[in-house]
Amino acid sequence: MIPERRSLFALLDHHPEVGTTLGELHERVLDAAQRADRLGYDAFWLAEHHFQALGTAPNPAVLLAALAALTERIRLGPAVAVLPLRNPIQVAEDYALVDLVSRGRLNLGVGTGSRPGEFAAFGVDFEGRQASFDARLAEVRRRLVDGSLNVAPVQRPPPVYVATLSADRARAIGEAGLSMLTLVSPATASLEEIGQRLDAYRGGLEIHHPKTM
């Protein structure tokens, strides 16, 4: 039986109209991660967003490195590192360092990104993000194991979690032998969609790891 695992996910939405400063918001996140560590949670995830109040960790690796120094056991990861917006070598460097300072506790969540405004602000083509993601993910994974960086992760390689809201992509992620991240979002019409994604992912995993008779 698969053991139950519990994680926390922080968007870091900032709403100054309720009287909370940005500094106070981040202090609360640091405190929440430490509490989750003490309570035995499996992982703590941070969102990456840009140019908006929905998410105020533009580079989760920075905050995750701080959390590594404040926690002992809990695993730490971005949910997600938006690969089409970043140089893949820099992504590999940033998260190799997080894995190093956390003594091998990185979960590397990656995704294509979903907000056109963020892509426009960076001058990056939104419609071509899937092809860009695929190429950059391959580069990140290679750099984390080939010794070309001046910092090496403890885990060789750290586990990779690919985010999706699509059953088709979920199956492809399983076929690649990678882990999957998904969630209920405004684009999710019903909870049944979550089940469809999970079923598709498991079907893909069976292709990657066929059952032996």
N, C-alpha and C. Protein backbone atom coordinates (compact mmCIF):
# COMPACT_ATOMS: atom_id res chain seq x y z
N MET A 1 0.86 -1.20 0.00
CA MET A 1 0.00 0.00 0.00
C MET A 1 0.89 1.24 0.00
N ILE A 2 0.56 2.24 -0.83
CA ILE A 2 1.34 3.47 -0.91
C ILE A 2 1.11 4.29 0.35
N PRO A 3 2.19 4.69 1.05
CA PRO A 3 2.01 5.48 2.27
C PRO A 3 1.44 6.85 1.98
N GLU A 4 0.64 7.35 2.92
CA GLU A 4 0.07 8.69 2.77
C GLU A 4 1.15 9.74 2.95
N ARG A 5 1.17 10.73 2.08
CA ARG A 5 2.11 11.82 2.19
C ARG A 5 1.36 13.15 2.20
N ARG A 6 1.81 14.06 3.01
CA ARG A 6 1.15 15.35 3.14
C ARG A 6 2.15 16.46 2.79
N SER A 7 1.70 17.41 2.01
CA SER A 7 2.55 18.53 1.62
C SER A 7 1.78 19.83 1.78
N LEU A 8 2.52 20.93 1.82
CA LEU A 8 1.94 22.27 1.81
C LEU A 8 2.40 23.01 0.56
N PHE A 9 1.49 23.81 0.01
CA PHE A 9 1.78 24.59 -1.19
C PHE A 9 1.47 26.05 -0.91
N ALA A 10 2.47 26.93 -1.09
CA ALA A 10 2.29 28.35 -0.81
C ALA A 10 2.37 29.15 -2.10
N LEU A 11 1.28 29.86 -2.40
CA LEU A 11 1.27 30.76 -3.56
C LEU A 11 1.96 32.09 -3.25
N LEU A 12 1.91 32.50 -1.98
CA LEU A 12 2.44 33.80 -1.56
C LEU A 12 1.70 34.97 -2.20
N ASP A 13 0.38 34.87 -2.26
CA ASP A 13 -0.44 36.00 -2.72
C ASP A 13 -0.27 37.16 -1.74
N HIS A 14 -0.12 38.37 -2.28
CA HIS A 14 0.02 39.54 -1.42
C HIS A 14 -1.17 40.47 -1.62
N HIS A 15 -1.89 40.73 -0.53
CA HIS A 15 -3.06 41.62 -0.56
C HIS A 15 -2.86 42.71 0.49
N PRO A 16 -2.16 43.78 0.13
CA PRO A 16 -1.86 44.82 1.12
C PRO A 16 -3.09 45.48 1.71
N GLU A 17 -4.24 45.36 1.02
CA GLU A 17 -5.45 45.99 1.54
C GLU A 17 -5.93 45.35 2.85
N VAL A 18 -5.45 44.15 3.17
CA VAL A 18 -5.83 43.51 4.44
C VAL A 18 -4.84 43.85 5.55
N GLY A 19 -3.84 44.67 5.24
CA GLY A 19 -2.95 45.16 6.28
C GLY A 19 -1.70 44.34 6.51
N THR A 20 -1.37 43.44 5.60
CA THR A 20 -0.17 42.62 5.73
C THR A 20 0.90 43.13 4.77
N THR A 21 2.08 43.37 5.30
CA THR A 21 3.17 43.80 4.43
C THR A 21 3.78 42.60 3.72
N LEU A 22 4.53 42.88 2.68
CA LEU A 22 5.19 41.80 1.95
C LEU A 22 6.18 41.07 2.86
N GLY A 23 6.88 41.81 3.69
CA GLY A 23 7.81 41.18 4.62
C GLY A 23 7.11 40.26 5.60
N GLU A 24 5.95 40.69 6.11
CA GLU A 24 5.19 39.86 7.03
C GLU A 24 4.69 38.59 6.35
N LEU A 25 4.26 38.73 5.10
CA LEU A 25 3.80 37.57 4.34
C LEU A 25 4.90 36.52 4.23
N HIS A 26 6.09 36.95 3.88
CA HIS A 26 7.18 36.00 3.72
C HIS A 26 7.62 35.41 5.06
N GLU A 27 7.55 36.19 6.13
CA GLU A 27 7.84 35.66 7.45
C GLU A 27 6.86 34.54 7.81
N ARG A 28 5.59 34.72 7.45
CA ARG A 28 4.59 33.69 7.73
C ARG A 28 4.89 32.40 6.96
N VAL A 29 5.38 32.56 5.74
CA VAL A 29 5.73 31.37 4.95
C VAL A 29 6.91 30.64 5.57
N LEU A 30 7.91 31.39 6.02
CA LEU A 30 9.05 30.77 6.69
C LEU A 30 8.58 30.01 7.93
N ASP A 31 7.67 30.62 8.69
CA ASP A 31 7.15 29.98 9.89
C ASP A 31 6.34 28.74 9.54
N ALA A 32 5.52 28.82 8.49
CA ALA A 32 4.70 27.67 8.09
C ALA A 32 5.57 26.49 7.69
N ALA A 33 6.65 26.75 6.98
CA ALA A 33 7.54 25.66 6.57
C ALA A 33 8.19 25.00 7.77
N GLN A 34 8.59 25.80 8.75
CA GLN A 34 9.21 25.23 9.95
C GLN A 34 8.20 24.39 10.74
N ARG A 35 6.97 24.88 10.84
CA ARG A 35 5.93 24.11 11.53
C ARG A 35 5.64 22.80 10.80
N ALA A 36 5.57 22.87 9.46
CA ALA A 36 5.33 21.66 8.68
C ALA A 36 6.46 20.65 8.87
N ASP A 37 7.67 21.14 8.96
CA ASP A 37 8.82 20.28 9.20
C ASP A 37 8.68 19.56 10.53
N ARG A 38 8.33 20.31 11.58
CA ARG A 38 8.19 19.71 12.91
C ARG A 38 7.02 18.74 12.98
N LEU A 39 5.96 19.00 12.21
CA LEU A 39 4.75 18.16 12.26
C LEU A 39 4.84 16.93 11.36
N GLY A 40 5.95 16.78 10.63
CA GLY A 40 6.14 15.58 9.83
C GLY A 40 5.58 15.63 8.43
N TYR A 41 5.30 16.82 7.91
CA TYR A 41 4.87 16.91 6.52
C TYR A 41 5.99 16.46 5.59
N ASP A 42 5.61 15.94 4.44
CA ASP A 42 6.59 15.38 3.52
C ASP A 42 7.32 16.45 2.72
N ALA A 43 6.59 17.49 2.26
CA ALA A 43 7.21 18.46 1.37
C ALA A 43 6.55 19.83 1.51
N PHE A 44 7.30 20.86 1.13
CA PHE A 44 6.81 22.24 1.11
C PHE A 44 7.12 22.81 -0.27
N TRP A 45 6.09 23.31 -0.95
CA TRP A 45 6.22 23.77 -2.33
C TRP A 45 5.94 25.27 -2.41
N LEU A 46 6.66 25.96 -3.28
CA LEU A 46 6.47 27.38 -3.52
C LEU A 46 6.16 27.64 -4.99
N ALA A 47 5.19 28.52 -5.25
CA ALA A 47 4.85 28.89 -6.62
C ALA A 47 5.84 29.92 -7.16
N GLU A 48 5.99 29.95 -8.47
CA GLU A 48 6.74 31.01 -9.16
C GLU A 48 5.77 31.85 -9.98
N HIS A 49 5.72 33.14 -9.69
CA HIS A 49 4.92 34.07 -10.49
C HIS A 49 5.64 35.40 -10.60
N HIS A 50 5.22 36.20 -11.59
CA HIS A 50 5.90 37.45 -11.90
C HIS A 50 4.90 38.57 -12.17
N PHE A 51 5.24 39.79 -11.75
CA PHE A 51 4.50 41.01 -12.13
C PHE A 51 3.05 41.02 -11.67
N GLN A 52 2.74 40.34 -10.54
CA GLN A 52 1.36 40.32 -10.08
C GLN A 52 1.33 39.97 -8.59
N ALA A 53 0.20 40.28 -7.96
CA ALA A 53 0.03 39.97 -6.54
C ALA A 53 -0.20 38.48 -6.32
N LEU A 54 -0.63 37.76 -7.36
CA LEU A 54 -0.83 36.31 -7.26
C LEU A 54 0.55 35.64 -7.30
N GLY A 55 1.16 35.50 -6.15
CA GLY A 55 2.48 34.89 -6.09
C GLY A 55 3.57 35.93 -6.05
N THR A 56 4.34 35.95 -4.96
CA THR A 56 5.38 36.96 -4.81
C THR A 56 6.74 36.31 -4.54
N ALA A 57 6.98 35.17 -5.18
CA ALA A 57 8.30 34.53 -5.16
C ALA A 57 8.74 34.37 -6.61
N PRO A 58 9.29 35.42 -7.24
CA PRO A 58 9.66 35.34 -8.64
C PRO A 58 10.76 34.32 -8.93
N ASN A 59 11.59 34.04 -7.94
CA ASN A 59 12.57 32.95 -8.07
C ASN A 59 12.49 32.10 -6.80
N PRO A 60 11.68 31.04 -6.79
CA PRO A 60 11.51 30.24 -5.58
C PRO A 60 12.81 29.69 -5.02
N ALA A 61 13.83 29.51 -5.86
CA ALA A 61 15.10 28.95 -5.38
C ALA A 61 15.68 29.80 -4.27
N VAL A 62 15.50 31.12 -4.33
CA VAL A 62 16.06 32.01 -3.31
C VAL A 62 15.41 31.73 -1.95
N LEU A 63 14.08 31.67 -1.93
CA LEU A 63 13.37 31.43 -0.68
C LEU A 63 13.55 29.99 -0.21
N LEU A 64 13.62 29.05 -1.12
CA LEU A 64 13.84 27.66 -0.74
C LEU A 64 15.20 27.46 -0.09
N ALA A 65 16.21 28.20 -0.55
CA ALA A 65 17.52 28.11 0.09
C ALA A 65 17.45 28.60 1.53
N ALA A 66 16.67 29.67 1.77
CA ALA A 66 16.47 30.15 3.13
C ALA A 66 15.75 29.09 3.97
N LEU A 67 14.74 28.46 3.38
CA LEU A 67 14.00 27.42 4.10
C LEU A 67 14.89 26.21 4.41
N ALA A 68 15.83 25.94 3.55
CA ALA A 68 16.75 24.81 3.80
C ALA A 68 17.52 25.00 5.09
N ALA A 69 17.88 26.25 5.37
CA ALA A 69 18.64 26.53 6.59
C ALA A 69 17.77 26.49 7.84
N LEU A 70 16.45 26.59 7.68
CA LEU A 70 15.54 26.66 8.81
C LEU A 70 14.84 25.34 9.11
N THR A 71 15.00 24.35 8.23
CA THR A 71 14.32 23.07 8.37
C THR A 71 15.34 21.94 8.36
N GLU A 72 14.88 20.76 8.73
CA GLU A 72 15.80 19.62 8.86
C GLU A 72 15.42 18.44 7.98
N ARG A 73 14.13 18.16 7.85
CA ARG A 73 13.71 16.91 7.21
C ARG A 73 12.83 17.11 5.99
N ILE A 74 11.97 18.11 6.02
CA ILE A 74 10.97 18.28 4.99
C ILE A 74 11.63 18.54 3.63
N ARG A 75 11.04 17.99 2.58
CA ARG A 75 11.55 18.21 1.23
C ARG A 75 11.03 19.55 0.71
N LEU A 76 11.80 20.17 -0.18
CA LEU A 76 11.53 21.54 -0.62
C LEU A 76 11.53 21.61 -2.13
N GLY A 77 10.58 22.35 -2.70
CA GLY A 77 10.58 22.43 -4.16
C GLY A 77 9.73 23.56 -4.71
N PRO A 78 10.02 23.97 -5.94
CA PRO A 78 9.16 24.93 -6.64
C PRO A 78 7.98 24.20 -7.27
N ALA A 79 6.84 24.88 -7.27
CA ALA A 79 5.66 24.31 -7.94
C ALA A 79 4.96 25.44 -8.70
N VAL A 80 5.62 25.85 -9.78
CA VAL A 80 6.76 25.17 -10.42
C VAL A 80 7.78 26.19 -10.90
N ALA A 81 8.99 25.69 -11.25
CA ALA A 81 9.94 26.50 -11.99
C ALA A 81 9.43 26.61 -13.43
N VAL A 82 9.17 27.84 -13.89
CA VAL A 82 8.58 28.04 -15.21
C VAL A 82 9.72 28.07 -16.24
N LEU A 83 10.00 26.94 -16.84
CA LEU A 83 11.20 26.79 -17.66
C LEU A 83 11.22 27.68 -18.90
N PRO A 84 10.12 27.92 -19.61
CA PRO A 84 10.21 28.78 -20.80
C PRO A 84 10.64 30.21 -20.51
N LEU A 85 10.57 30.65 -19.24
CA LEU A 85 10.94 32.01 -18.88
C LEU A 85 12.39 32.13 -18.42
N ARG A 86 13.13 31.01 -18.35
CA ARG A 86 14.46 31.06 -17.76
C ARG A 86 15.49 30.32 -18.61
N ASN A 87 16.73 30.75 -18.48
CA ASN A 87 17.84 30.02 -19.07
C ASN A 87 17.98 28.68 -18.35
N PRO A 88 17.97 27.57 -19.07
CA PRO A 88 18.00 26.26 -18.39
C PRO A 88 19.26 26.01 -17.58
N ILE A 89 20.38 26.60 -18.00
CA ILE A 89 21.60 26.41 -17.22
C ILE A 89 21.48 27.11 -15.87
N GLN A 90 20.89 28.31 -15.88
CA GLN A 90 20.69 29.01 -14.61
C GLN A 90 19.70 28.27 -13.71
N VAL A 91 18.67 27.68 -14.30
CA VAL A 91 17.73 26.87 -13.51
C VAL A 91 18.48 25.71 -12.85
N ALA A 92 19.30 25.02 -13.63
CA ALA A 92 20.06 23.90 -13.08
C ALA A 92 20.99 24.37 -11.97
N GLU A 93 21.66 25.50 -12.16
CA GLU A 93 22.55 26.03 -11.12
C GLU A 93 21.78 26.36 -9.84
N ASP A 94 20.68 27.10 -10.01
CA ASP A 94 19.91 27.53 -8.84
C ASP A 94 19.45 26.34 -8.01
N TYR A 95 18.89 25.35 -8.67
CA TYR A 95 18.30 24.24 -7.92
C TYR A 95 19.32 23.19 -7.51
N ALA A 96 20.45 23.11 -8.20
CA ALA A 96 21.55 22.27 -7.70
C ALA A 96 22.03 22.83 -6.36
N LEU A 97 22.08 24.16 -6.26
CA LEU A 97 22.50 24.78 -5.01
C LEU A 97 21.48 24.55 -3.90
N VAL A 98 20.19 24.63 -4.23
CA VAL A 98 19.16 24.34 -3.22
C VAL A 98 19.30 22.90 -2.72
N ASP A 99 19.54 21.97 -3.64
CA ASP A 99 19.70 20.59 -3.22
C ASP A 99 20.93 20.42 -2.33
N LEU A 100 21.99 21.14 -2.66
CA LEU A 100 23.22 21.04 -1.88
C LEU A 100 23.04 21.58 -0.47
N VAL A 101 22.50 22.79 -0.34
CA VAL A 101 22.39 23.39 0.99
C VAL A 101 21.30 22.72 1.83
N SER A 102 20.36 22.03 1.19
CA SER A 102 19.33 21.30 1.94
C SER A 102 19.75 19.87 2.23
N ARG A 103 20.95 19.51 1.82
CA ARG A 103 21.49 18.15 2.01
C ARG A 103 20.61 17.10 1.32
N GLY A 104 20.22 17.41 0.08
CA GLY A 104 19.51 16.43 -0.74
C GLY A 104 18.02 16.36 -0.52
N ARG A 105 17.39 17.52 -0.28
CA ARG A 105 15.95 17.53 -0.02
C ARG A 105 15.14 18.22 -1.12
N LEU A 106 15.74 18.42 -2.29
CA LEU A 106 15.03 19.11 -3.36
C LEU A 106 14.06 18.20 -4.10
N ASN A 107 12.82 18.68 -4.29
CA ASN A 107 11.89 18.15 -5.28
C ASN A 107 11.79 19.21 -6.39
N LEU A 108 12.21 18.89 -7.60
CA LEU A 108 12.24 19.88 -8.66
C LEU A 108 10.94 19.84 -9.46
N GLY A 109 10.01 20.73 -9.11
CA GLY A 109 8.77 20.86 -9.86
C GLY A 109 8.97 21.82 -11.03
N VAL A 110 8.54 21.43 -12.20
CA VAL A 110 8.73 22.24 -13.41
C VAL A 110 7.43 22.31 -14.19
N GLY A 111 7.27 23.38 -15.00
CA GLY A 111 6.07 23.49 -15.79
C GLY A 111 6.24 24.49 -16.92
N THR A 112 5.23 24.56 -17.77
CA THR A 112 5.27 25.44 -18.94
C THR A 112 4.91 26.87 -18.62
N GLY A 113 4.21 27.09 -17.50
CA GLY A 113 3.62 28.39 -17.23
C GLY A 113 2.25 28.48 -17.87
N SER A 114 1.40 29.34 -17.29
CA SER A 114 0.01 29.38 -17.77
C SER A 114 -0.56 30.79 -17.90
N ARG A 115 0.27 31.82 -17.67
CA ARG A 115 -0.24 33.19 -17.67
C ARG A 115 0.38 34.00 -18.80
N PRO A 116 -0.41 34.32 -19.82
CA PRO A 116 0.14 35.05 -20.97
C PRO A 116 0.80 36.37 -20.59
N GLY A 117 0.27 37.07 -19.59
CA GLY A 117 0.84 38.35 -19.21
C GLY A 117 2.27 38.25 -18.73
N GLU A 118 2.60 37.16 -18.05
CA GLU A 118 3.97 36.97 -17.59
C GLU A 118 4.91 36.78 -18.77
N PHE A 119 4.48 36.01 -19.75
CA PHE A 119 5.29 35.78 -20.93
C PHE A 119 5.48 37.08 -21.72
N ALA A 120 4.42 37.86 -21.84
CA ALA A 120 4.50 39.12 -22.58
C ALA A 120 5.50 40.06 -21.91
N ALA A 121 5.49 40.10 -20.57
CA ALA A 121 6.40 40.99 -19.85
C ALA A 121 7.85 40.60 -20.05
N PHE A 122 8.11 39.33 -20.25
CA PHE A 122 9.47 38.85 -20.51
C PHE A 122 9.81 38.85 -21.99
N GLY A 123 8.83 39.14 -22.86
CA GLY A 123 9.07 39.08 -24.29
C GLY A 123 9.24 37.67 -24.81
N VAL A 124 8.53 36.72 -24.20
CA VAL A 124 8.64 35.31 -24.57
C VAL A 124 7.34 34.85 -25.21
N ASP A 125 7.43 34.06 -26.27
CA ASP A 125 6.26 33.57 -26.99
C ASP A 125 5.47 32.59 -26.13
N PHE A 126 4.22 32.94 -25.84
CA PHE A 126 3.38 32.09 -25.00
C PHE A 126 2.93 30.84 -25.74
N GLU A 127 2.58 30.97 -27.01
CA GLU A 127 2.04 29.84 -27.76
C GLU A 127 3.10 28.75 -27.98
N GLY A 128 4.37 29.12 -28.00
CA GLY A 128 5.42 28.13 -28.21
C GLY A 128 6.02 27.57 -26.95
N ARG A 129 5.32 27.76 -25.82
CA ARG A 129 5.93 27.40 -24.54
C ARG A 129 6.14 25.89 -24.35
N GLN A 130 5.29 25.05 -24.96
CA GLN A 130 5.47 23.61 -24.75
C GLN A 130 6.76 23.10 -25.38
N ALA A 131 7.04 23.51 -26.60
CA ALA A 131 8.28 23.08 -27.26
C ALA A 131 9.49 23.62 -26.51
N SER A 132 9.40 24.87 -26.06
CA SER A 132 10.48 25.45 -25.28
C SER A 132 10.68 24.69 -23.98
N PHE A 133 9.59 24.36 -23.33
CA PHE A 133 9.67 23.60 -22.07
C PHE A 133 10.37 22.27 -22.27
N ASP A 134 9.96 21.53 -23.28
CA ASP A 134 10.53 20.20 -23.51
C ASP A 134 12.04 20.28 -23.71
N ALA A 135 12.50 21.23 -24.52
CA ALA A 135 13.93 21.37 -24.78
C ALA A 135 14.68 21.79 -23.52
N ARG A 136 14.12 22.71 -22.76
CA ARG A 136 14.80 23.21 -21.57
C ARG A 136 14.80 22.19 -20.44
N LEU A 137 13.74 21.40 -20.33
CA LEU A 137 13.74 20.35 -19.32
C LEU A 137 14.84 19.34 -19.59
N ALA A 138 15.01 18.97 -20.84
CA ALA A 138 16.08 18.03 -21.19
C ALA A 138 17.45 18.61 -20.82
N GLU A 139 17.64 19.90 -21.06
CA GLU A 139 18.90 20.55 -20.73
C GLU A 139 19.12 20.61 -19.21
N VAL A 140 18.09 20.96 -18.47
CA VAL A 140 18.19 21.02 -17.01
C VAL A 140 18.56 19.65 -16.45
N ARG A 141 17.86 18.62 -16.89
CA ARG A 141 18.14 17.28 -16.37
C ARG A 141 19.55 16.83 -16.71
N ARG A 142 20.01 17.16 -17.91
CA ARG A 142 21.37 16.78 -18.28
C ARG A 142 22.40 17.50 -17.42
N ARG A 143 22.21 18.80 -17.21
CA ARG A 143 23.17 19.58 -16.45
C ARG A 143 23.25 19.15 -14.99
N LEU A 144 22.16 18.62 -14.46
CA LEU A 144 22.16 18.21 -13.06
C LEU A 144 22.96 16.93 -12.80
N VAL A 145 23.33 16.24 -13.87
CA VAL A 145 24.05 14.97 -13.68
C VAL A 145 25.38 14.89 -14.41
N ASP A 146 25.67 15.81 -15.34
CA ASP A 146 26.86 15.60 -16.19
C ASP A 146 28.13 16.24 -15.65
N GLY A 147 28.06 16.91 -14.50
CA GLY A 147 29.26 17.49 -13.92
C GLY A 147 29.72 18.79 -14.56
N SER A 148 28.88 19.41 -15.41
CA SER A 148 29.30 20.63 -16.10
C SER A 148 29.11 21.89 -15.26
N LEU A 149 28.37 21.80 -14.16
CA LEU A 149 28.14 22.96 -13.30
C LEU A 149 29.24 23.06 -12.26
N ASN A 150 29.41 24.27 -11.69
CA ASN A 150 30.40 24.43 -10.64
C ASN A 150 29.84 24.13 -9.25
N VAL A 151 28.57 23.68 -9.21
CA VAL A 151 27.96 23.20 -7.98
C VAL A 151 27.19 21.94 -8.32
N ALA A 152 27.34 20.92 -7.50
CA ALA A 152 26.71 19.64 -7.80
C ALA A 152 25.62 19.33 -6.77
N PRO A 153 24.46 18.85 -7.22
CA PRO A 153 23.43 18.46 -6.27
C PRO A 153 23.84 17.21 -5.50
N VAL A 154 23.28 17.03 -4.32
CA VAL A 154 23.51 15.81 -3.54
C VAL A 154 22.84 14.63 -4.24
N GLN A 155 21.60 14.84 -4.67
CA GLN A 155 20.86 13.80 -5.39
C GLN A 155 21.30 13.82 -6.86
N ARG A 156 21.57 12.68 -7.40
CA ARG A 156 22.00 12.60 -8.80
C ARG A 156 21.07 11.69 -9.60
N PRO A 157 19.99 12.22 -10.16
CA PRO A 157 19.54 13.61 -10.11
C PRO A 157 18.46 13.80 -9.05
N PRO A 158 18.13 15.05 -8.73
CA PRO A 158 16.95 15.29 -7.90
C PRO A 158 15.69 14.80 -8.62
N PRO A 159 14.66 14.37 -7.87
CA PRO A 159 13.43 13.95 -8.52
C PRO A 159 12.75 15.11 -9.24
N VAL A 160 12.21 14.83 -10.42
CA VAL A 160 11.56 15.85 -11.24
C VAL A 160 10.05 15.60 -11.25
N TYR A 161 9.28 16.65 -10.98
CA TYR A 161 7.83 16.61 -11.01
C TYR A 161 7.35 17.58 -12.08
N VAL A 162 6.60 17.08 -13.05
CA VAL A 162 6.13 17.91 -14.15
C VAL A 162 4.65 18.26 -13.93
N ALA A 163 4.33 19.53 -14.00
CA ALA A 163 2.96 19.99 -13.76
C ALA A 163 2.14 19.93 -15.03
N THR A 164 0.87 19.58 -14.87
CA THR A 164 -0.05 19.58 -16.01
C THR A 164 -1.48 19.69 -15.54
N LEU A 165 -2.33 20.25 -16.40
CA LEU A 165 -3.77 20.24 -16.20
C LEU A 165 -4.46 19.42 -17.29
N SER A 166 -3.67 18.64 -18.05
CA SER A 166 -4.18 17.91 -19.20
C SER A 166 -3.97 16.40 -19.01
N ALA A 167 -5.01 15.62 -19.31
CA ALA A 167 -4.89 14.17 -19.24
C ALA A 167 -3.89 13.65 -20.26
N ASP A 168 -3.87 14.24 -21.45
CA ASP A 168 -2.93 13.80 -22.48
C ASP A 168 -1.49 14.01 -22.03
N ARG A 169 -1.22 15.19 -21.47
CA ARG A 169 0.12 15.46 -20.98
C ARG A 169 0.45 14.58 -19.77
N ALA A 170 -0.55 14.29 -18.95
CA ALA A 170 -0.33 13.42 -17.80
C ALA A 170 0.15 12.05 -18.25
N ARG A 171 -0.43 11.54 -19.31
CA ARG A 171 0.00 10.23 -19.83
C ARG A 171 1.43 10.30 -20.34
N ALA A 172 1.76 11.38 -21.05
CA ALA A 172 3.12 11.53 -21.57
C ALA A 172 4.15 11.64 -20.45
N ILE A 173 3.78 12.30 -19.36
CA ILE A 173 4.67 12.41 -18.21
C ILE A 173 4.93 11.02 -17.62
N GLY A 174 3.87 10.23 -17.49
CA GLY A 174 4.03 8.86 -17.00
C GLY A 174 4.90 8.02 -17.91
N GLU A 175 4.68 8.15 -19.22
CA GLU A 175 5.48 7.39 -20.18
C GLU A 175 6.96 7.75 -20.09
N ALA A 176 7.25 9.01 -19.70
CA ALA A 176 8.64 9.44 -19.55
C ALA A 176 9.25 9.00 -18.23
N GLY A 177 8.43 8.42 -17.36
CA GLY A 177 8.94 7.94 -16.07
C GLY A 177 9.17 9.04 -15.06
N LEU A 178 8.51 10.20 -15.27
CA LEU A 178 8.65 11.32 -14.35
C LEU A 178 7.44 11.37 -13.42
N SER A 179 7.59 12.11 -12.33
CA SER A 179 6.47 12.31 -11.42
C SER A 179 5.61 13.47 -11.93
N MET A 180 4.37 13.54 -11.46
CA MET A 180 3.43 14.53 -11.96
C MET A 180 2.91 15.40 -10.83
N LEU A 181 2.71 16.67 -11.13
CA LEU A 181 2.00 17.60 -10.25
C LEU A 181 0.72 18.04 -10.95
N THR A 182 -0.38 18.07 -10.23
CA THR A 182 -1.61 18.63 -10.77
C THR A 182 -2.41 19.21 -9.63
N LEU A 183 -3.42 19.99 -9.94
CA LEU A 183 -4.21 20.63 -8.89
C LEU A 183 -5.56 21.05 -9.45
N VAL A 184 -6.45 21.37 -8.54
CA VAL A 184 -7.73 21.96 -8.91
C VAL A 184 -7.48 23.44 -9.18
N SER A 185 -7.90 23.92 -10.32
CA SER A 185 -7.69 25.31 -10.71
C SER A 185 -8.97 25.85 -11.35
N PRO A 186 -9.03 27.15 -11.64
CA PRO A 186 -10.20 27.68 -12.35
C PRO A 186 -10.45 27.00 -13.70
N ALA A 187 -9.39 26.39 -14.26
CA ALA A 187 -9.55 25.70 -15.54
C ALA A 187 -10.08 24.28 -15.37
N THR A 188 -10.27 23.84 -14.14
CA THR A 188 -10.77 22.49 -13.87
C THR A 188 -12.29 22.54 -13.73
N ALA A 189 -12.98 21.91 -14.65
CA ALA A 189 -14.44 21.99 -14.66
C ALA A 189 -15.08 21.15 -13.56
N SER A 190 -14.42 20.03 -13.18
CA SER A 190 -14.99 19.15 -12.17
C SER A 190 -13.88 18.33 -11.54
N LEU A 191 -14.16 17.79 -10.36
CA LEU A 191 -13.18 16.94 -9.68
C LEU A 191 -12.90 15.67 -10.47
N GLU A 192 -13.85 15.27 -11.32
CA GLU A 192 -13.63 14.08 -12.14
C GLU A 192 -12.41 14.27 -13.05
N GLU A 193 -12.12 15.51 -13.43
CA GLU A 193 -10.96 15.76 -14.28
C GLU A 193 -9.66 15.37 -13.57
N ILE A 194 -9.61 15.59 -12.26
CA ILE A 194 -8.42 15.18 -11.51
C ILE A 194 -8.23 13.67 -11.61
N GLY A 195 -9.33 12.93 -11.46
CA GLY A 195 -9.26 11.48 -11.59
C GLY A 195 -8.82 11.05 -12.98
N GLN A 196 -9.29 11.74 -14.00
CA GLN A 196 -8.89 11.42 -15.37
C GLN A 196 -7.39 11.64 -15.58
N ARG A 197 -6.87 12.72 -15.02
CA ARG A 197 -5.43 12.97 -15.13
C ARG A 197 -4.63 11.87 -14.42
N LEU A 198 -5.08 11.50 -13.22
CA LEU A 198 -4.37 10.47 -12.47
C LEU A 198 -4.41 9.12 -13.20
N ASP A 199 -5.57 8.79 -13.75
CA ASP A 199 -5.69 7.53 -14.50
C ASP A 199 -4.77 7.54 -15.72
N ALA A 200 -4.74 8.68 -16.43
CA ALA A 200 -3.88 8.78 -17.61
C ALA A 200 -2.42 8.66 -17.22
N TYR A 201 -2.05 9.30 -16.13
CA TYR A 201 -0.66 9.23 -15.66
C TYR A 201 -0.28 7.80 -15.31
N ARG A 202 -1.14 7.11 -14.58
CA ARG A 202 -0.85 5.72 -14.21
C ARG A 202 -0.74 4.84 -15.45
N GLY A 203 -1.59 5.11 -16.46
CA GLY A 203 -1.49 4.36 -17.70
C GLY A 203 -0.16 4.58 -18.38
N GLY A 204 0.34 5.81 -18.36
CA GLY A 204 1.64 6.09 -18.93
C GLY A 204 2.76 5.41 -18.17
N LEU A 205 2.65 5.39 -16.84
CA LEU A 205 3.67 4.73 -16.03
C LEU A 205 3.74 3.24 -16.34
N GLU A 206 2.61 2.62 -16.59
CA GLU A 206 2.61 1.19 -16.90
C GLU A 206 3.37 0.91 -18.19
N ILE A 207 3.35 1.86 -19.12
CA ILE A 207 4.13 1.71 -20.35
C ILE A 207 5.62 1.85 -20.04
N HIS A 208 5.95 2.82 -19.17
CA HIS A 208 7.36 3.05 -18.84
C HIS A 208 7.91 1.91 -17.99
N HIS A 209 7.10 1.42 -17.06
CA HIS A 209 7.50 0.32 -16.18
C HIS A 209 6.49 -0.82 -16.33
N PRO A 210 6.53 -1.58 -17.41
CA PRO A 210 5.53 -2.63 -17.61
C PRO A 210 5.59 -3.66 -16.49
N LYS A 211 4.42 -4.13 -16.11
CA LYS A 211 4.35 -5.12 -15.06
C LYS A 211 4.96 -6.44 -15.52
N THR A 212 5.73 -7.05 -14.67
CA THR A 212 6.34 -8.35 -15.00
C THR A 212 5.40 -9.45 -14.54
N MET A 213 5.35 -10.50 -15.34
CA MET A 213 4.47 -11.63 -15.03
C MET A 213 5.19 -12.64 -14.14
